[in-house]
Amino acid sequence: MAGMTPPVRVLVVDDDALVRAALTMMLDGAPGIAVVGEASDGAEVPAATDAHSPDVVLMDLRMPRVDGVTATRRLRARPRPPEVIMLTTFDSDENILHALRAGASGFLLKDTPPARIAEAVRQVAAGEPILSPRVTRRLIDRVAVQADAYARARAKLAALSPREHDVVVAIAQGYGNTDIAEALQMTLATVKTHVSHILTKLGLDNRTQIALLAHDAGLA
């Protein structure tokens, strides 16, 4: 129907056929979401992405041939890549950080309620990162930042203007664009421009990576 917002197109990637079927059934029944394809391994993701043009890829972490982190890194290196949500039963610190640094916009555990997974798909498609509460807690509790990572983060952030630096800090604190605009007394359009410039200057893919860099630099 004319004027209707098209559904978020989702590719489900998991080596377990039953999990894929369950996710597909659940997401296809959610408002504003359409599962357009499936893949059973990270090696199949490039071809499936070309065939189905998803907006969001729901990616399993552990798969037999090409794991989710490797598949995400390869996918995010392509022109105009879809967003990626990593979905897994494993929530170790290293798994979380590897996934986010590879370019994933979210990390959810497989015991996340179905409605929350659907909402996460919509949120990531709209440009907002998502982490499950347990994952967020793990990242907040991770306080041992290596000195070399701290120095690299500080050096990268030195390329930003003072106002861009303020936006980075706000992103690291979990603020969305509307909240940043209000807190920093900017228009929403100006905030979006700053975020775009920050991503370009820092060579990053998304807001989650900005937040991680800010955490490495000790800003949040």
Protein backbone atom coordinates (compact mmCIF):
# COMPACT_ATOMS: atom_id res chain seq x y z
CA MET A 1 0.00 0.00 0.00
CA ALA A 2 1.32 3.44 -0.93
CA GLY A 3 2.92 5.31 1.95
CA MET A 4 3.50 2.21 4.09
CA THR A 5 6.99 1.65 5.51
CA PRO A 6 8.55 -1.46 3.95
CA PRO A 7 9.36 -4.29 6.38
CA VAL A 8 12.86 -4.83 7.71
CA ARG A 9 14.41 -7.56 5.57
CA VAL A 10 16.19 -10.21 7.68
CA LEU A 11 18.63 -12.99 6.80
CA VAL A 12 18.83 -15.74 9.46
CA VAL A 13 22.20 -17.50 9.73
CA ASP A 14 22.54 -20.54 12.03
CA ASP A 15 23.97 -24.03 11.56
CA ASP A 16 21.10 -25.57 13.54
CA ALA A 17 18.11 -26.11 11.23
CA LEU A 18 15.66 -26.14 14.15
CA VAL A 19 16.97 -22.83 15.46
CA ARG A 20 16.73 -21.30 11.99
CA ALA A 21 13.15 -22.53 11.64
CA ALA A 22 12.19 -21.19 15.06
CA LEU A 23 13.75 -17.78 14.41
CA THR A 24 12.17 -17.56 10.97
CA MET A 25 8.73 -18.43 12.30
CA MET A 26 9.03 -15.98 15.16
CA LEU A 27 10.34 -13.06 13.10
CA ASP A 28 8.01 -13.58 10.16
CA GLY A 29 5.12 -13.23 12.58
CA ALA A 30 6.43 -9.95 14.01
CA PRO A 31 5.05 -6.64 12.69
CA GLY A 32 7.31 -4.79 10.30
CA ILE A 33 9.74 -7.68 9.73
CA ALA A 34 10.14 -10.12 6.83
CA VAL A 35 12.62 -13.02 6.78
CA VAL A 36 13.93 -13.03 3.21
CA GLY A 37 16.47 -15.83 3.43
CA GLU A 38 18.42 -18.34 5.51
CA ALA A 39 21.99 -19.64 5.60
CA SER A 40 23.50 -22.55 7.54
CA ASP A 41 27.09 -21.28 7.78
CA GLY A 42 29.09 -18.08 7.62
CA ALA A 43 30.57 -19.22 4.31
CA GLU A 44 27.11 -18.88 2.74
CA VAL A 45 26.53 -15.31 3.95
CA PRO A 46 28.00 -13.35 0.99
CA ALA A 47 25.94 -15.24 -1.61
CA ALA A 48 22.80 -15.09 0.55
CA THR A 49 23.29 -11.36 1.06
CA ASP A 50 23.68 -10.79 -2.68
CA ALA A 51 20.58 -12.89 -3.39
CA HIS A 52 18.25 -11.42 -0.76
CA SER A 53 19.55 -7.89 0.04
CA PRO A 54 18.76 -8.04 3.78
CA ASP A 55 18.71 -4.98 6.01
CA VAL A 56 19.74 -7.03 9.04
CA VAL A 57 21.59 -10.33 9.39
CA LEU A 58 20.84 -12.38 12.50
CA MET A 59 24.14 -14.24 12.84
CA ASP A 60 25.03 -17.27 14.94
CA LEU A 61 28.41 -16.94 16.67
CA ARG A 62 29.70 -20.51 16.41
CA MET A 63 29.42 -22.34 13.10
CA PRO A 64 31.53 -25.22 11.73
CA ARG A 65 33.21 -23.71 8.66
CA VAL A 66 33.14 -19.92 8.94
CA ASP A 67 32.18 -18.56 12.36
CA GLY A 68 29.96 -15.56 12.92
CA VAL A 69 32.77 -13.15 13.81
CA THR A 70 34.71 -13.92 10.63
CA ALA A 71 31.54 -13.76 8.52
CA THR A 72 30.63 -10.41 10.09
CA ARG A 73 34.08 -8.94 9.48
CA ARG A 74 33.96 -10.00 5.82
CA LEU A 75 30.41 -8.73 5.42
CA ARG A 76 31.13 -5.33 6.96
CA ALA A 77 34.06 -4.86 4.56
CA ARG A 78 31.68 -4.97 1.58
CA PRO A 79 30.04 -1.87 0.09
CA ARG A 80 26.71 -0.93 1.75
CA PRO A 81 26.65 -3.92 4.12
CA PRO A 82 23.60 -4.90 6.18
CA GLU A 83 23.61 -4.51 9.94
CA VAL A 84 24.51 -7.61 11.97
CA ILE A 85 23.11 -8.89 15.26
CA MET A 86 25.15 -11.69 16.81
CA LEU A 87 22.93 -14.28 18.47
CA THR A 88 24.54 -16.91 20.67
CA THR A 89 24.42 -18.99 23.84
CA PHE A 90 27.95 -17.87 24.77
CA ASP A 91 28.42 -14.52 26.55
CA SER A 92 32.12 -14.47 27.44
CA ASP A 93 33.88 -11.10 27.36
CA GLU A 94 36.08 -12.15 24.45
CA ASN A 95 33.13 -13.35 22.36
CA ILE A 96 31.31 -10.07 22.92
CA LEU A 97 34.29 -7.87 22.10
CA HIS A 98 35.35 -9.91 19.07
CA ALA A 99 31.82 -9.66 17.65
CA LEU A 100 31.47 -5.93 18.25
CA ARG A 101 34.93 -5.11 16.95
CA ALA A 102 34.17 -7.11 13.80
CA GLY A 103 31.33 -4.67 13.13
CA ALA A 104 28.25 -6.27 14.70
CA SER A 105 25.65 -3.71 15.77
CA GLY A 106 24.23 -5.94 18.47
CA PHE A 107 24.85 -9.01 20.60
CA LEU A 108 21.93 -11.00 22.01
CA LEU A 109 21.75 -14.29 23.83
CA LYS A 110 19.56 -17.06 22.45
CA ASP A 111 17.44 -17.07 25.60
CA THR A 112 16.35 -13.49 24.84
CA PRO A 113 12.52 -13.30 24.69
CA PRO A 114 11.16 -13.42 21.09
CA ALA A 115 9.57 -9.99 21.34
CA ARG A 116 12.91 -8.51 22.41
CA ILE A 117 14.70 -10.11 19.46
CA ALA A 118 12.13 -8.64 17.07
CA GLU A 119 12.47 -5.22 18.67
CA ALA A 120 16.26 -5.49 18.42
CA VAL A 121 15.97 -6.16 14.68
CA ARG A 122 13.86 -3.02 14.22
CA GLN A 123 16.17 -0.96 16.41
CA VAL A 124 19.36 -2.02 14.62
CA ALA A 125 17.72 -1.45 11.23
CA ALA A 126 16.99 2.11 12.40
CA GLY A 127 20.66 2.68 13.19
CA GLU A 128 20.62 2.10 16.94
CA PRO A 129 22.89 -0.61 18.45
CA ILE A 130 21.50 -3.18 20.86
CA LEU A 131 22.99 -5.32 23.59
CA SER A 132 21.19 -7.68 25.94
CA PRO A 133 21.19 -6.51 29.58
CA ARG A 134 23.55 -9.32 30.63
CA VAL A 135 25.98 -8.39 27.88
CA THR A 136 25.82 -4.70 28.81
CA ARG A 137 26.62 -5.57 32.41
CA ARG A 138 29.62 -7.62 31.32
CA LEU A 139 30.99 -4.73 29.28
CA ILE A 140 30.45 -2.23 32.09
CA ASP A 141 32.25 -4.54 34.52
CA ARG A 142 35.22 -4.91 32.18
CA VAL A 143 37.54 -2.31 33.71
CA ALA A 144 40.97 -3.68 32.84
CA VAL A 145 41.89 -1.67 29.74
CA GLN A 146 45.39 -2.37 28.46
CA ALA A 147 47.72 0.62 28.32
CA ASP A 148 48.41 0.27 24.59
CA ALA A 149 44.68 0.14 23.79
CA TYR A 150 44.18 3.25 25.93
CA ALA A 151 46.95 5.11 24.09
CA ARG A 152 45.67 4.10 20.64
CA ALA A 153 42.13 5.16 21.54
CA ARG A 154 43.28 8.53 22.88
CA ALA A 155 45.38 9.12 19.75
CA LYS A 156 42.44 8.36 17.44
CA LEU A 157 40.06 10.58 19.36
CA ALA A 158 42.54 13.47 19.18
CA ALA A 159 41.53 13.89 15.52
CA LEU A 160 38.03 15.00 16.54
CA SER A 161 36.79 18.52 17.13
CA PRO A 162 35.69 19.43 20.69
CA ARG A 163 32.02 19.17 19.69
CA GLU A 164 32.56 15.78 18.03
CA HIS A 165 34.33 14.68 21.22
CA ASP A 166 31.24 15.66 23.23
CA VAL A 167 29.08 13.55 20.90
CA VAL A 168 31.41 10.56 21.34
CA VAL A 169 31.11 10.79 25.12
CA ALA A 170 27.31 10.98 24.86
CA ILE A 171 27.21 7.92 22.58
CA ALA A 172 29.41 6.01 25.04
CA GLN A 173 26.92 6.89 27.78
CA GLY A 174 24.15 5.26 25.79
CA TYR A 175 22.37 8.38 24.52
CA GLY A 176 20.38 8.21 21.29
CA ASN A 177 20.48 11.02 18.74
CA THR A 178 17.44 12.80 20.17
CA ASP A 179 18.88 12.74 23.71
CA ILE A 180 22.26 14.00 22.44
CA ALA A 181 20.56 16.86 20.60
CA GLU A 182 18.76 17.90 23.78
CA ALA A 183 21.78 17.49 26.07
CA LEU A 184 24.20 19.34 23.79
CA GLN A 185 21.63 21.87 22.51
CA MET A 186 21.97 20.87 18.87
CA THR A 187 19.47 20.11 16.17
CA LEU A 188 18.89 16.45 15.37
CA ALA A 189 20.31 17.02 11.89
CA THR A 190 23.51 18.45 13.39
CA VAL A 191 23.92 15.44 15.67
CA LYS A 192 23.53 13.07 12.72
CA THR A 193 26.13 15.06 10.76
CA HIS A 194 28.56 14.90 13.69
CA VAL A 195 28.06 11.13 14.01
CA SER A 196 28.71 10.68 10.29
CA HIS A 197 31.90 12.77 10.49
CA ILE A 198 33.07 10.86 13.57
CA LEU A 199 32.63 7.49 11.84
CA THR A 200 34.57 8.75 8.82
CA LYS A 201 37.41 10.31 10.81
CA LEU A 202 37.84 7.28 13.06
CA GLY A 203 37.38 4.69 10.30
CA LEU A 204 34.56 2.95 12.19
CA ASP A 205 31.39 1.24 11.00
CA ASN A 206 28.79 2.07 13.64
CA ARG A 207 27.93 3.70 16.96
CA THR A 208 28.78 0.60 18.97
CA GLN A 209 32.38 0.83 17.83
CA ILE A 210 32.43 4.52 18.78
CA ALA A 211 31.28 3.56 22.28
CA LEU A 212 33.94 0.85 22.54
CA LEU A 213 36.67 3.29 21.50
CA ALA A 214 35.44 5.79 24.08
CA HIS A 215 35.53 3.09 26.75
CA ASP A 216 39.08 2.15 25.72
CA ALA A 217 40.03 5.81 26.10
CA GLY A 218 38.50 5.95 29.58
CA LEU A 219 35.78 8.42 28.63
CA ALA A 220 32.83 6.39 29.93
